[in-house]
């Protein structure tokens, strides 16, 4: 082959490049490559009961398992009634991840109806000692008793809202990781690596809560959902829960209890939640000369596991604003 002199210096390397590529030795497939290839076609089907359990599970599995959330985000977990589609989802699942501590009241009958003898359950709260009383400050009034609801939400097993504590969230992620490894050992390395990365983010979140809230010891706030005693216990705050479960309307007893709690505990603020539309609370806050803030129990939101961190940092900002 004859190459013109003017082009020889610039084209020779390009002409030789295919030969160099063709002569290279094939690269051996690594264990990581093999695992990623397996993850492209996940065969493990995981059902998580509600959004925080989905976030934690998805953070551990990545794309190595099919994960679906049973209770639609934004639905009231306390009042949820299983649908035929939920029975079918559990019937075809390999693994079920639940919060436990009596939160998913509908689950026992749903699992029975699903008749899936191969289902492996992961109780994310296993090993966590729950708060026995509804709140460490005063016993909350269950508004369902005042409004003829059919279900009792006293949570005889303890307060189930442990996912709102960044430290207990780490423990739940670790429990989910271990359960997934036991059920699907082929993806152990992936589950361990993903869990470690997410737990590191949760540790950073806990440090942010500690450093920030240490400036407001014993700050007291009034809630209308008994969901925040773990945050209060962890970071030296005081939650006063007037009702156990959010309700669209407050009874006269609830309003009177709120007034008494504000006077007794010198509360800094009232906390409502994004899903609760209640004009009475706004009027009550005005009458009591207290600010009304929204705090998020994280039962609604996008499916991205990073939203847990975003929403919790929003809660931190809310608590700081209330305690100043």
Protein backbone atom coordinates (compact mmCIF):
# COMPACT_ATOMS: atom_id res chain seq x y z
CA UNK A 1 0.00 0.00 0.00
CA UNK A 2 1.38 3.38 -1.07
CA UNK A 3 0.59 6.39 1.10
CA UNK A 4 1.13 9.94 -0.20
CA UNK A 5 3.94 11.65 1.65
CA UNK A 6 1.80 14.62 2.67
CA UNK A 7 -0.73 12.40 4.41
CA UNK A 8 1.48 9.65 5.77
CA UNK A 9 2.24 11.16 9.16
CA UNK A 10 -1.38 11.95 9.99
CA UNK A 11 -3.10 8.88 8.56
CA UNK A 12 -0.74 6.06 9.48
CA UNK A 13 -1.83 5.99 13.15
CA UNK A 14 -5.49 5.90 12.09
CA UNK A 15 -4.89 3.15 9.57
CA UNK A 16 -3.08 1.05 12.14
CA UNK A 17 -5.70 1.58 14.88
CA UNK A 18 -8.11 -1.20 13.74
CA UNK A 19 -5.19 -3.62 13.63
CA UNK A 20 -4.18 -2.69 17.16
CA UNK A 21 -7.73 -3.15 18.42
CA UNK A 22 -8.05 -6.50 16.65
CA UNK A 23 -4.84 -7.76 18.23
CA UNK A 24 -5.82 -6.93 21.81
CA UNK A 25 -6.50 -9.82 24.16
CA UNK A 26 -10.15 -10.15 25.27
CA UNK A 27 -10.78 -8.77 28.76
CA UNK A 28 -11.98 -11.34 31.25
CA UNK A 29 -15.43 -10.65 32.68
CA UNK A 30 -15.17 -9.66 36.32
CA UNK A 31 -17.45 -10.72 39.13
CA UNK A 32 -18.89 -7.22 39.21
CA UNK A 33 -19.67 -7.35 35.50
CA UNK A 34 -21.44 -10.65 36.00
CA UNK A 35 -23.52 -9.25 38.86
CA UNK A 36 -24.51 -6.21 36.86
CA UNK A 37 -25.52 -8.42 33.98
CA UNK A 38 -27.74 -10.43 36.33
CA UNK A 39 -29.25 -7.19 37.62
CA UNK A 40 -30.35 -6.24 34.09
CA UNK A 41 -33.01 -8.97 34.24
CA UNK A 42 -34.13 -9.14 37.87
CA UNK A 43 -36.01 -12.28 38.80
CA UNK A 44 -36.73 -11.43 42.45
CA UNK A 45 -40.12 -9.84 43.04
CA UNK A 46 -40.35 -7.72 46.20
CA UNK A 47 -43.45 -6.06 47.64
CA UNK A 48 -43.03 -3.24 50.18
CA UNK A 49 -46.09 -2.29 52.19
CA UNK A 50 -45.88 1.50 52.03
CA UNK A 51 -43.64 4.29 50.82
CA UNK A 52 -40.83 4.45 53.44
CA UNK A 53 -40.43 0.65 53.22
CA UNK A 54 -40.31 0.97 49.43
CA UNK A 55 -37.63 3.69 49.63
CA UNK A 56 -35.44 1.67 51.96
CA UNK A 57 -35.89 -1.53 49.96
CA UNK A 58 -35.26 0.14 46.63
CA UNK A 59 -32.17 1.84 48.01
CA UNK A 60 -30.77 -1.60 48.84
CA UNK A 61 -31.82 -3.49 45.71
CA UNK A 62 -31.14 -0.86 43.09
CA UNK A 63 -32.11 -2.51 39.79
CA UNK A 64 -31.33 -6.02 40.99
CA UNK A 65 -34.92 -6.76 42.01
CA UNK A 66 -38.41 -5.76 40.99
CA UNK A 67 -39.86 -3.69 43.83
CA UNK A 68 -43.43 -2.44 44.07
CA UNK A 69 -45.25 -0.54 46.78
CA UNK A 70 -48.51 -2.01 48.01
CA UNK A 71 -50.26 1.01 49.56
CA UNK A 72 -50.50 3.91 47.08
CA UNK A 73 -48.45 6.90 48.27
CA UNK A 74 -50.68 9.40 50.03
CA UNK A 75 -53.12 6.78 51.32
CA UNK A 76 -53.75 6.57 55.05
CA UNK A 77 -51.83 3.50 56.20
CA UNK A 78 -53.88 3.40 59.41
CA UNK A 79 -57.18 3.15 57.54
CA UNK A 80 -56.03 1.15 54.52
CA UNK A 81 -58.21 -1.72 53.30
CA UNK A 82 -56.62 -4.34 51.07
CA UNK A 83 -57.76 -4.65 47.46
CA UNK A 84 -57.85 -7.78 45.27
CA UNK A 85 -54.80 -6.40 43.47
CA UNK A 86 -52.89 -6.43 46.78
CA UNK A 87 -53.71 -10.08 47.32
CA UNK A 88 -52.49 -10.86 43.83
CA UNK A 89 -49.28 -8.86 44.34
CA UNK A 90 -48.43 -10.81 47.49
CA UNK A 91 -49.44 -14.10 45.86
CA UNK A 92 -46.79 -13.62 43.16
CA UNK A 93 -44.08 -12.02 45.32
CA UNK A 94 -40.92 -13.67 46.58
CA UNK A 95 -40.36 -11.21 49.44
CA UNK A 96 -42.61 -8.93 51.49
CA UNK A 97 -41.09 -5.98 53.39
CA UNK A 98 -43.19 -4.48 56.16
CA UNK A 99 -42.65 -1.88 58.86
CA UNK A 100 -44.23 -4.01 61.57
CA UNK A 101 -45.08 -2.90 65.13
CA UNK A 102 -48.75 -3.33 64.22
CA UNK A 103 -48.82 -0.57 61.58
CA UNK A 104 -50.12 -2.66 58.68
CA UNK A 105 -53.32 -3.86 60.31
CA UNK A 106 -54.71 -5.19 57.03
CA UNK A 107 -51.70 -7.36 56.26
CA UNK A 108 -52.33 -10.59 58.16
CA UNK A 109 -55.59 -11.41 56.39
CA UNK A 110 -54.18 -10.28 53.06
CA UNK A 111 -51.24 -12.67 53.36
CA UNK A 112 -53.59 -15.49 54.32
CA UNK A 113 -55.78 -14.82 51.29
CA UNK A 114 -52.73 -14.67 49.02
CA UNK A 115 -51.87 -18.28 49.91
CA UNK A 116 -48.18 -17.94 49.00
CA UNK A 117 -46.28 -20.57 51.02
CA UNK A 118 -42.95 -19.47 49.53
CA UNK A 119 -43.31 -15.83 50.60
CA UNK A 120 -40.44 -14.59 52.76
CA UNK A 121 -41.33 -11.72 55.10
CA UNK A 122 -38.91 -9.05 56.28
CA UNK A 123 -39.99 -7.16 59.40
CA UNK A 124 -37.94 -3.98 59.07
CA UNK A 125 -38.50 -3.03 62.72
CA UNK A 126 -37.21 -6.31 64.13
CA UNK A 127 -34.91 -5.57 67.06
CA UNK A 128 -36.21 -2.02 67.58
CA UNK A 129 -37.76 -1.34 70.99
CA UNK A 130 -40.86 0.74 70.27
CA UNK A 131 -42.24 3.52 72.44
CA UNK A 132 -45.05 1.86 74.38
CA UNK A 133 -47.16 4.91 75.14
CA UNK A 134 -48.63 6.96 72.32
CA UNK A 135 -46.41 9.84 73.28
CA UNK A 136 -43.78 10.35 75.97
CA UNK A 137 -45.43 13.60 77.09
CA UNK A 138 -49.19 13.07 77.30
CA UNK A 139 -51.48 10.30 76.19
CA UNK A 140 -52.98 11.25 72.87
CA UNK A 141 -56.70 11.16 72.20
CA UNK A 142 -57.63 8.80 69.36
CA UNK A 143 -59.88 10.91 67.19
CA UNK A 144 -61.35 7.81 65.58
CA UNK A 145 -63.24 7.16 68.81
CA UNK A 146 -64.93 10.52 68.52
CA UNK A 147 -65.91 10.13 64.87
CA UNK A 148 -67.28 6.58 64.78
CA UNK A 149 -64.39 5.05 62.89
CA UNK A 150 -64.36 1.27 62.80
CA UNK A 151 -60.69 0.76 63.61
CA UNK A 152 -58.75 1.11 66.82
CA UNK A 153 -55.38 2.81 66.32
CA UNK A 154 -53.97 2.58 69.82
CA UNK A 155 -51.04 0.52 68.43
CA UNK A 156 -50.95 -2.02 71.25
CA UNK A 157 -47.51 -3.16 70.05
CA UNK A 158 -46.11 0.37 70.45
CA UNK A 159 -45.78 3.45 68.30
CA UNK A 160 -44.87 2.24 64.78
CA UNK A 161 -43.44 5.46 63.29
CA UNK A 162 -39.81 4.43 63.69
CA UNK A 163 -38.85 5.32 60.09
CA UNK A 164 -38.97 9.00 61.08
CA UNK A 165 -35.89 8.54 63.29
CA UNK A 166 -32.75 8.64 61.07
CA UNK A 167 -30.96 6.22 63.42
CA UNK A 168 -33.77 3.68 63.41
CA UNK A 169 -34.00 4.19 59.65
CA UNK A 170 -30.42 2.95 59.42
CA UNK A 171 -31.39 -0.13 61.41
CA UNK A 172 -34.37 -0.76 59.17
CA UNK A 173 -32.20 -0.52 56.06
CA UNK A 174 -29.72 -2.99 57.56
CA UNK A 175 -32.53 -5.40 58.46
CA UNK A 176 -33.93 -5.18 54.94
CA UNK A 177 -30.44 -5.77 53.53
CA UNK A 178 -29.96 -8.91 55.64
CA UNK A 179 -33.39 -10.24 54.70
CA UNK A 180 -32.76 -9.69 51.01
CA UNK A 181 -29.39 -11.44 51.22
CA UNK A 182 -30.98 -14.41 52.96
CA UNK A 183 -33.64 -14.65 50.26
CA UNK A 184 -31.41 -13.80 47.30
CA UNK A 185 -27.77 -14.61 48.13
CA UNK A 186 -26.71 -14.31 44.49
CA UNK A 187 -26.94 -10.52 44.78
CA UNK A 188 -25.32 -10.22 48.21
CA UNK A 189 -22.48 -7.96 47.03
CA UNK A 190 -24.92 -5.55 45.39
CA UNK A 191 -27.18 -5.40 48.43
CA UNK A 192 -24.26 -4.82 50.78
CA UNK A 193 -22.74 -2.06 48.67
CA UNK A 194 -26.04 -0.26 48.11
CA UNK A 195 -27.04 -0.50 51.75
CA UNK A 196 -23.66 0.82 52.91
CA UNK A 197 -23.96 3.85 50.63
CA UNK A 198 -27.51 4.65 51.78
CA UNK A 199 -26.72 4.10 55.46
CA UNK A 200 -23.82 6.52 55.11
CA UNK A 201 -26.28 9.14 53.86
CA UNK A 202 -28.57 8.41 56.80
CA UNK A 203 -25.66 8.80 59.21
CA UNK A 204 -24.95 12.21 57.71
CA UNK A 205 -28.62 13.11 58.11
CA UNK A 206 -28.51 12.10 61.78
CA UNK A 207 -25.44 14.28 62.32
CA UNK A 208 -27.26 17.23 60.79
CA UNK A 209 -30.21 16.69 63.12
CA UNK A 210 -27.94 16.36 66.16
CA UNK A 211 -25.83 19.42 65.42
CA UNK A 212 -28.81 21.61 64.57
CA UNK A 213 -31.34 20.58 67.21
CA UNK A 214 -28.82 20.59 70.04
CA UNK A 215 -29.37 24.36 70.02
CA UNK A 216 -33.03 23.91 71.03
CA UNK A 217 -33.15 21.48 73.97
CA UNK A 218 -36.62 20.51 75.24
CA UNK A 219 -38.39 22.47 72.53
CA UNK A 220 -42.06 21.47 72.70
CA UNK A 221 -44.44 21.23 69.76
CA UNK A 222 -48.08 20.16 69.40
CA UNK A 223 -48.95 17.59 66.73
CA UNK A 224 -52.22 16.19 65.42
CA UNK A 225 -50.66 12.87 64.50
CA UNK A 226 -48.76 10.82 67.06
CA UNK A 227 -45.92 10.19 64.63
CA UNK A 228 -42.94 12.05 66.05
CA UNK A 229 -42.01 10.69 69.49
CA UNK A 230 -38.89 9.02 68.09
CA UNK A 231 -37.56 12.31 66.71
CA UNK A 232 -38.37 13.93 70.04
CA UNK A 233 -36.63 11.20 72.04
CA UNK A 234 -33.58 11.12 69.79
CA UNK A 235 -32.94 14.86 69.70
CA UNK A 236 -34.13 15.99 73.15
CA UNK A 237 -37.40 17.55 72.04
CA UNK A 238 -40.95 17.19 73.40
CA UNK A 239 -43.89 16.08 71.26
CA UNK A 240 -47.42 16.60 72.57
CA UNK A 241 -49.81 14.61 70.38
CA UNK A 242 -53.42 15.72 70.67
CA UNK A 243 -54.74 12.94 68.42
CA UNK A 244 -53.18 9.66 67.35
CA UNK A 245 -54.25 9.68 63.71
CA UNK A 246 -54.76 12.70 61.43
CA UNK A 247 -58.41 13.56 60.94
CA UNK A 248 -60.24 15.96 58.68
CA UNK A 249 -62.14 17.37 61.65
CA UNK A 250 -61.26 17.87 65.30
CA UNK A 251 -63.76 17.31 68.08
CA UNK A 252 -64.44 19.95 70.77
CA UNK A 253 -62.52 17.65 73.13
CA UNK A 254 -59.51 17.77 70.79
CA UNK A 255 -59.60 21.57 70.67
CA UNK A 256 -59.87 21.86 74.43
CA UNK A 257 -56.98 19.44 74.88
CA UNK A 258 -54.88 21.52 72.49
CA UNK A 259 -55.49 24.69 74.50
CA UNK A 260 -54.62 22.91 77.74
CA UNK A 261 -51.46 21.37 76.24
CA UNK A 262 -50.23 24.72 74.95
CA UNK A 263 -50.67 26.27 78.39
CA UNK A 264 -49.20 23.33 80.29
CA UNK A 265 -46.14 22.71 78.11
CA UNK A 266 -45.52 26.23 76.78
CA UNK A 267 -45.48 24.88 73.25
CA UNK A 268 -43.67 26.83 70.56
CA UNK A 269 -45.82 25.80 67.57
CA UNK A 270 -48.58 23.63 66.18
CA UNK A 271 -47.69 21.03 63.54
CA UNK A 272 -50.11 19.89 60.88
CA UNK A 273 -49.35 17.65 57.89
CA UNK A 274 -49.50 18.26 54.13
CA UNK A 275 -52.28 15.72 53.56
CA UNK A 276 -54.55 17.23 56.25
CA UNK A 277 -56.65 20.16 55.08
CA UNK A 278 -58.03 21.71 58.27
CA UNK A 279 -59.10 25.33 58.50
CA UNK A 280 -59.91 24.82 62.16
CA UNK A 281 -56.20 24.41 62.90
CA UNK A 282 -55.40 27.72 61.24
CA UNK A 283 -58.06 29.47 63.28
CA UNK A 284 -56.90 27.73 66.43
CA UNK A 285 -53.28 28.73 65.82
CA UNK A 286 -54.34 32.33 65.34
CA UNK A 287 -56.40 32.29 68.54
CA UNK A 288 -53.47 30.80 70.47
CA UNK A 289 -51.00 33.21 68.88
CA UNK A 290 -48.85 30.30 67.73
CA UNK A 291 -47.38 29.57 64.31
CA UNK A 292 -48.78 26.59 62.37
CA UNK A 293 -46.24 24.57 60.38
CA UNK A 294 -46.46 21.51 58.17
CA UNK A 295 -44.37 18.49 59.13
CA UNK A 296 -44.21 15.41 56.92
CA UNK A 297 -44.75 11.83 58.15
CA UNK A 298 -43.35 10.67 54.78
CA UNK A 299 -46.32 8.59 53.73
CA UNK A 300 -46.57 10.35 50.37
CA UNK A 301 -44.10 11.57 47.79
CA UNK A 302 -42.14 10.35 44.75
CA UNK A 303 -40.67 6.85 44.51
CA UNK A 304 -37.04 8.00 44.50
CA UNK A 305 -35.33 6.75 47.71
CA UNK A 306 -33.47 10.05 47.89
CA UNK A 307 -36.76 11.75 48.70
CA UNK A 308 -36.56 10.38 52.24
CA UNK A 309 -33.44 12.46 52.81
CA UNK A 310 -34.95 15.52 51.14
CA UNK A 311 -38.18 15.32 53.11
CA UNK A 312 -36.40 14.72 56.42
CA UNK A 313 -34.22 17.77 55.86
CA UNK A 314 -37.44 19.67 55.24
CA UNK A 315 -38.74 18.40 58.58
CA UNK A 316 -35.52 19.53 60.23
CA UNK A 317 -35.99 23.02 58.84
CA UNK A 318 -39.59 23.03 60.04
CA UNK A 319 -38.62 22.02 63.57
CA UNK A 320 -35.90 24.67 63.69
CA UNK A 321 -38.32 27.36 62.54
CA UNK A 322 -40.78 26.27 65.21
CA UNK A 323 -38.21 26.17 68.00
CA UNK A 324 -36.52 29.51 67.39
